[in-house]
Amino acid sequence: MFASDIRRQRVWRMRGFRHWRWHLDEMYVKLNGEMVYLWRAVDHEGEILESYVTRIRDKDAALRFMKKALKRHGKPEAITTDGLRSYRAAMNALGNADKQEVGRWANNRVENSHLPFRRRERAMVRFRQMKTLQKFASVHANVHNHFDLQRHLVDRQTYKERRSAALAEWQALAS
């Protein structure tokens, strides 16, 4: 409930941004001893836009994920991916092949966004159902986006003010 409100506000603010760049990646997550794929889209500032869980990693899964992200967040200026061929096939199907960028270290933004999820996943031990994994990934992304204030970019006073504002907004949503 709260995560959807936060997401809606963030997406609304970002829609007018002209140079929106996405980074797409998939990661393995263990579900009852079986590996499943968590597809993630991250914007140029490191905010997680979309999370989607599938059992397979092919063109159809990539296409479903991209359609879902495009429908919810609009069209980006450029999409950076890793070398997975499913992305190229899905981009061709969508007609966005010219927007795709592939580079050796170009996708580090999304690779680093997996780390907070991995820390939390380790603390939870494991997931048992796809539905709970999908729900957790979506909620975790929104809460992390809300409280991740990029401490290294601002001075202490500004950071404390932003942190207090984020906490006040969270408490307003929770009450």
C-alpha atoms as a PDB file:
ATOM      1  CA  MET A   1       0.000   0.000   0.000  1.00  0.00           C
ATOM      2  CA  PHE A   2       2.673   2.522   1.007  1.00  0.00           C
ATOM      3  CA  ALA A   3       5.170   1.399  -1.612  1.00  0.00           C
ATOM      4  CA  SER A   4       2.735   2.025  -4.459  1.00  0.00           C
ATOM      5  CA  ASP A   5       2.109   5.601  -3.264  1.00  0.00           C
ATOM      6  CA  ILE A   6       5.826   6.301  -3.072  1.00  0.00           C
ATOM      7  CA  ARG A   7       6.409   4.777  -6.513  1.00  0.00           C
ATOM      8  CA  ARG A   8       3.590   6.806  -8.050  1.00  0.00           C
ATOM      9  CA  GLN A   9       5.042  10.050  -6.689  1.00  0.00           C
ATOM     10  CA  ARG A  10       8.563   9.255  -7.914  1.00  0.00           C
ATOM     11  CA  VAL A  11       7.423   8.216 -11.387  1.00  0.00           C
ATOM     12  CA  TRP A  12       5.313  11.349 -11.713  1.00  0.00           C
ATOM     13  CA  ARG A  13       8.341  13.531 -10.885  1.00  0.00           C
ATOM     14  CA  MET A  14      10.585  11.703 -13.363  1.00  0.00           C
ATOM     15  CA  ARG A  15       8.227  11.686 -16.365  1.00  0.00           C
ATOM     16  CA  GLY A  16       9.264  15.173 -17.468  1.00  0.00           C
ATOM     17  CA  PHE A  17      12.974  14.382 -17.322  1.00  0.00           C
ATOM     18  CA  ARG A  18      14.347  14.388 -20.884  1.00  0.00           C
ATOM     19  CA  HIS A  19      17.569  12.408 -20.549  1.00  0.00           C
ATOM     20  CA  TRP A  20      16.161   9.379 -18.811  1.00  0.00           C
ATOM     21  CA  ARG A  21      18.510   6.403 -19.129  1.00  0.00           C
ATOM     22  CA  TRP A  22      17.640   2.888 -17.989  1.00  0.00           C
ATOM     23  CA  HIS A  23      19.911   0.034 -16.993  1.00  0.00           C
ATOM     24  CA  LEU A  24      18.455  -3.486 -17.267  1.00  0.00           C
ATOM     25  CA  ASP A  25      19.799  -6.664 -15.723  1.00  0.00           C
ATOM     26  CA  GLU A  26      18.681  -9.998 -14.382  1.00  0.00           C
ATOM     27  CA  MET A  27      19.903 -11.853 -11.324  1.00  0.00           C
ATOM     28  CA  TYR A  28      19.494 -15.347  -9.933  1.00  0.00           C
ATOM     29  CA  VAL A  29      17.452 -15.809  -6.776  1.00  0.00           C
ATOM     30  CA  LYS A  30      17.011 -19.131  -5.004  1.00  0.00           C
ATOM     31  CA  LEU A  31      13.383 -20.149  -4.546  1.00  0.00           C
ATOM     32  CA  ASN A  32      12.888 -23.444  -2.674  1.00  0.00           C
ATOM     33  CA  GLY A  33      16.279 -24.632  -3.875  1.00  0.00           C
ATOM     34  CA  GLU A  34      15.468 -23.756  -7.504  1.00  0.00           C
ATOM     35  CA  MET A  35      17.009 -20.798  -9.310  1.00  0.00           C
ATOM     36  CA  VAL A  36      14.627 -18.174 -10.727  1.00  0.00           C
ATOM     37  CA  TYR A  37      15.385 -14.854 -12.410  1.00  0.00           C
ATOM     38  CA  LEU A  38      14.696 -11.417 -11.014  1.00  0.00           C
ATOM     39  CA  TRP A  39      14.702  -8.844 -13.843  1.00  0.00           C
ATOM     40  CA  ARG A  40      15.372  -5.288 -12.715  1.00  0.00           C
ATOM     41  CA  ALA A  41      15.279  -1.854 -14.330  1.00  0.00           C
ATOM     42  CA  VAL A  42      17.257   0.974 -12.727  1.00  0.00           C
ATOM     43  CA  ASP A  43      17.288   4.605 -13.844  1.00  0.00           C
ATOM     44  CA  HIS A  44      20.324   6.845 -14.327  1.00  0.00           C
ATOM     45  CA  GLU A  45      20.245   7.949 -10.674  1.00  0.00           C
ATOM     46  CA  GLY A  46      20.218   4.420  -9.277  1.00  0.00           C
ATOM     47  CA  GLU A  47      16.525   4.240  -8.381  1.00  0.00           C
ATOM     48  CA  ILE A  48      14.920   0.886  -9.005  1.00  0.00           C
ATOM     49  CA  LEU A  49      12.042   1.292 -11.424  1.00  0.00           C
ATOM     50  CA  GLU A  50      10.745  -2.208 -11.935  1.00  0.00           C
ATOM     51  CA  SER A  51      11.277  -5.748 -10.623  1.00  0.00           C
ATOM     52  CA  TYR A  52       9.875  -8.851 -12.311  1.00  0.00           C
ATOM     53  CA  VAL A  53      10.332 -12.551 -11.431  1.00  0.00           C
ATOM     54  CA  THR A  54      10.338 -15.384 -14.003  1.00  0.00           C
ATOM     55  CA  ARG A  55      11.384 -19.016 -14.115  1.00  0.00           C
ATOM     56  CA  ILE A  56      13.042 -18.703 -17.516  1.00  0.00           C
ATOM     57  CA  ARG A  57      15.489 -16.268 -19.077  1.00  0.00           C
ATOM     58  CA  ASP A  58      14.554 -15.906 -22.726  1.00  0.00           C
ATOM     59  CA  LYS A  59      13.161 -13.429 -25.234  1.00  0.00           C
ATOM     60  CA  ASP A  60       9.566 -13.788 -24.029  1.00  0.00           C
ATOM     61  CA  ALA A  61      10.482 -13.066 -20.409  1.00  0.00           C
ATOM     62  CA  ALA A  62      12.595 -10.060 -21.422  1.00  0.00           C
ATOM     63  CA  LEU A  63       9.790  -8.804 -23.660  1.00  0.00           C
ATOM     64  CA  ARG A  64       7.164  -9.079 -20.896  1.00  0.00           C
ATOM     65  CA  PHE A  65       9.476  -7.280 -18.479  1.00  0.00           C
ATOM     66  CA  MET A  66      10.253  -4.473 -20.925  1.00  0.00           C
ATOM     67  CA  LYS A  67       6.594  -3.974 -21.888  1.00  0.00           C
ATOM     68  CA  LYS A  68       5.653  -3.744 -18.233  1.00  0.00           C
ATOM     69  CA  ALA A  69       8.406  -1.210 -17.507  1.00  0.00           C
ATOM     70  CA  LEU A  70       7.662   0.880 -20.618  1.00  0.00           C
ATOM     71  CA  LYS A  71       3.948   0.974 -19.861  1.00  0.00           C
ATOM     72  CA  ARG A  72       4.496   2.118 -16.291  1.00  0.00           C
ATOM     73  CA  HIS A  73       7.430   4.523 -16.721  1.00  0.00           C
ATOM     74  CA  GLY A  74       7.311   5.795 -20.298  1.00  0.00           C
ATOM     75  CA  LYS A  75      10.077   5.624 -22.913  1.00  0.00           C
ATOM     76  CA  PRO A  76      13.701   6.242 -21.931  1.00  0.00           C
ATOM     77  CA  GLU A  77      16.307   8.042 -23.978  1.00  0.00           C
ATOM     78  CA  ALA A  78      18.654   5.022 -23.887  1.00  0.00           C
ATOM     79  CA  ILE A  79      18.634   1.511 -22.423  1.00  0.00           C
ATOM     80  CA  THR A  80      21.893  -0.004 -21.196  1.00  0.00           C
ATOM     81  CA  THR A  81      22.020  -3.801 -20.919  1.00  0.00           C
ATOM     82  CA  ASP A  82      24.560  -6.543 -20.574  1.00  0.00           C
ATOM     83  CA  GLY A  83      25.404  -8.889 -23.447  1.00  0.00           C
ATOM     84  CA  LEU A  84      22.386 -11.190 -23.016  1.00  0.00           C
ATOM     85  CA  ARG A  85      20.899 -11.832 -26.458  1.00  0.00           C
ATOM     86  CA  SER A  86      17.359 -11.936 -25.084  1.00  0.00           C
ATOM     87  CA  TYR A  87      17.546  -8.165 -24.604  1.00  0.00           C
ATOM     88  CA  ARG A  88      18.520  -7.601 -28.241  1.00  0.00           C
ATOM     89  CA  ALA A  89      15.674  -9.843 -29.457  1.00  0.00           C
ATOM     90  CA  ALA A  90      13.133  -8.110 -27.194  1.00  0.00           C
ATOM     91  CA  MET A  91      14.365  -4.661 -28.242  1.00  0.00           C
ATOM     92  CA  ASN A  92      13.987  -5.638 -31.902  1.00  0.00           C
ATOM     93  CA  ALA A  93      10.448  -6.846 -31.230  1.00  0.00           C
ATOM     94  CA  LEU A  94       9.606  -3.520 -29.562  1.00  0.00           C
ATOM     95  CA  GLY A  95      11.334  -1.474 -32.256  1.00  0.00           C
ATOM     96  CA  ASN A  96      13.813   0.053 -29.782  1.00  0.00           C
ATOM     97  CA  ALA A  97      16.989  -1.601 -31.067  1.00  0.00           C
ATOM     98  CA  ASP A  98      18.614   1.781 -31.753  1.00  0.00           C
ATOM     99  CA  LYS A  99      18.237   2.792 -28.090  1.00  0.00           C
ATOM    100  CA  GLN A 100      20.138  -0.194 -26.705  1.00  0.00           C
ATOM    101  CA  GLU A 101      23.681   0.304 -25.435  1.00  0.00           C
ATOM    102  CA  VAL A 102      25.938  -2.584 -24.465  1.00  0.00           C
ATOM    103  CA  GLY A 103      29.315  -2.094 -22.838  1.00  0.00           C
ATOM    104  CA  ARG A 104      31.733  -3.923 -20.612  1.00  0.00           C
ATOM    105  CA  TRP A 105      31.271  -1.730 -17.530  1.00  0.00           C
ATOM    106  CA  ALA A 106      28.324   0.316 -18.744  1.00  0.00           C
ATOM    107  CA  ASN A 107      25.834  -1.647 -16.642  1.00  0.00           C
ATOM    108  CA  ASN A 108      27.562  -1.238 -13.271  1.00  0.00           C
ATOM    109  CA  ARG A 109      24.738   1.008 -12.036  1.00  0.00           C
ATOM    110  CA  VAL A 110      22.269  -1.892 -12.011  1.00  0.00           C
ATOM    111  CA  GLU A 111      24.846  -4.454 -10.861  1.00  0.00           C
ATOM    112  CA  ASN A 112      25.484  -2.352  -7.751  1.00  0.00           C
ATOM    113  CA  SER A 113      21.757  -1.979  -7.121  1.00  0.00           C
ATOM    114  CA  HIS A 114      21.564  -5.742  -6.526  1.00  0.00           C
ATOM    115  CA  LEU A 115      23.691  -5.474  -3.371  1.00  0.00           C
ATOM    116  CA  PRO A 116      21.048  -4.131  -0.917  1.00  0.00           C
ATOM    117  CA  PHE A 117      18.616  -6.767  -2.194  1.00  0.00           C
ATOM    118  CA  ARG A 118      21.219  -9.507  -1.660  1.00  0.00           C
ATOM    119  CA  ARG A 119      21.911  -8.292   1.891  1.00  0.00           C
ATOM    120  CA  ARG A 120      18.219  -8.384   2.745  1.00  0.00           C
ATOM    121  CA  GLU A 121      17.745 -11.742   0.993  1.00  0.00           C
ATOM    122  CA  ARG A 122      20.552 -13.247   3.069  1.00  0.00           C
ATOM    123  CA  ALA A 123      18.925 -11.953   6.261  1.00  0.00           C
ATOM    124  CA  MET A 124      15.596 -13.528   5.256  1.00  0.00           C
ATOM    125  CA  VAL A 125      17.348 -16.867   4.523  1.00  0.00           C
ATOM    126  CA  ARG A 126      15.233 -17.728   1.452  1.00  0.00           C
ATOM    127  CA  PHE A 127      11.956 -17.363  -0.392  1.00  0.00           C
ATOM    128  CA  ARG A 128       9.360 -20.094  -0.791  1.00  0.00           C
ATOM    129  CA  GLN A 129       6.890 -18.758  -3.375  1.00  0.00           C
ATOM    130  CA  MET A 130       7.179 -16.687  -6.559  1.00  0.00           C
ATOM    131  CA  LYS A 131       4.366 -14.428  -5.365  1.00  0.00           C
ATOM    132  CA  THR A 132       6.141 -13.526  -2.115  1.00  0.00           C
ATOM    133  CA  LEU A 133       9.440 -12.999  -3.947  1.00  0.00           C
ATOM    134  CA  GLN A 134       7.757 -10.640  -6.429  1.00  0.00           C
ATOM    135  CA  LYS A 135       6.012  -8.731  -3.662  1.00  0.00           C
ATOM    136  CA  PHE A 136       9.193  -8.475  -1.585  1.00  0.00           C
ATOM    137  CA  ALA A 137      11.277  -7.306  -4.566  1.00  0.00           C
ATOM    138  CA  SER A 138       8.784  -4.562  -5.417  1.00  0.00           C
ATOM    139  CA  VAL A 139       8.327  -3.316  -1.855  1.00  0.00           C
ATOM    140  CA  HIS A 140      12.035  -3.520  -1.044  1.00  0.00           C
ATOM    141  CA  ALA A 141      12.871  -1.496  -4.146  1.00  0.00           C
ATOM    142  CA  ASN A 142      10.426   1.270  -3.269  1.00  0.00           C
ATOM    143  CA  VAL A 143      11.462   1.499   0.369  1.00  0.00           C
ATOM    144  CA  HIS A 144      15.139   1.471  -0.585  1.00  0.00           C
ATOM    145  CA  ASN A 145      14.546   4.217  -3.162  1.00  0.00           C
ATOM    146  CA  HIS A 146      12.779   6.308  -0.553  1.00  0.00           C
ATOM    147  CA  PHE A 147      15.528   6.102   2.075  1.00  0.00           C
ATOM    148  CA  ASP A 148      18.637   5.874  -0.148  1.00  0.00           C
ATOM    149  CA  LEU A 149      19.713   9.509  -0.096  1.00  0.00           C
ATOM    150  CA  GLN A 150      23.177   9.325  -1.722  1.00  0.00           C
ATOM    151  CA  ARG A 151      25.098  10.415   1.378  1.00  0.00           C
ATOM    152  CA  HIS A 152      28.353  10.851  -0.508  1.00  0.00           C
ATOM    153  CA  LEU A 153      26.915  13.619  -2.714  1.00  0.00           C
ATOM    154  CA  VAL A 154      25.772  16.115  -0.074  1.00  0.00           C
ATOM    155  CA  ASP A 155      27.039  17.664   3.153  1.00  0.00           C
ATOM    156  CA  ARG A 156      25.950  16.409   6.569  1.00  0.00           C
ATOM    157  CA  GLN A 157      23.337  19.101   7.234  1.00  0.00           C
ATOM    158  CA  THR A 158      21.587  18.577   3.890  1.00  0.00           C
ATOM    159  CA  TYR A 159      21.679  14.805   4.386  1.00  0.00           C
ATOM    160  CA  LYS A 160      20.099  15.096   7.832  1.00  0.00           C
ATOM    161  CA  GLU A 161      17.350  17.381   6.494  1.00  0.00           C
ATOM    162  CA  ARG A 162      16.556  15.019   3.624  1.00  0.00           C
ATOM    163  CA  ARG A 163      16.607  12.004   5.933  1.00  0.00           C
ATOM    164  CA  SER A 164      14.165  13.736   8.318  1.00  0.00           C
ATOM    165  CA  ALA A 165      11.897  14.674   5.403  1.00  0.00           C
ATOM    166  CA  ALA A 166      11.927  11.079   4.110  1.00  0.00           C
ATOM    167  CA  LEU A 167      11.093   9.743   7.554  1.00  0.00           C
ATOM    168  CA  ALA A 168       8.289  12.300   8.016  1.00  0.00           C
ATOM    169  CA  GLU A 169       6.833  11.375   4.611  1.00  0.00           C
ATOM    170  CA  TRP A 170       7.038   7.680   5.490  1.00  0.00           C
ATOM    171  CA  GLN A 171       5.289   8.244   8.816  1.00  0.00           C
ATOM    172  CA  ALA A 172       2.575  10.290   7.082  1.00  0.00           C
ATOM    173  CA  LEU A 173       1.975   7.419   4.652  1.00  0.00           C
ATOM    174  CA  ALA A 174       2.041   4.800   7.420  1.00  0.00           C
ATOM    175  CA  SER A 175      -0.461   6.614   9.665  1.00  0.00           C
END
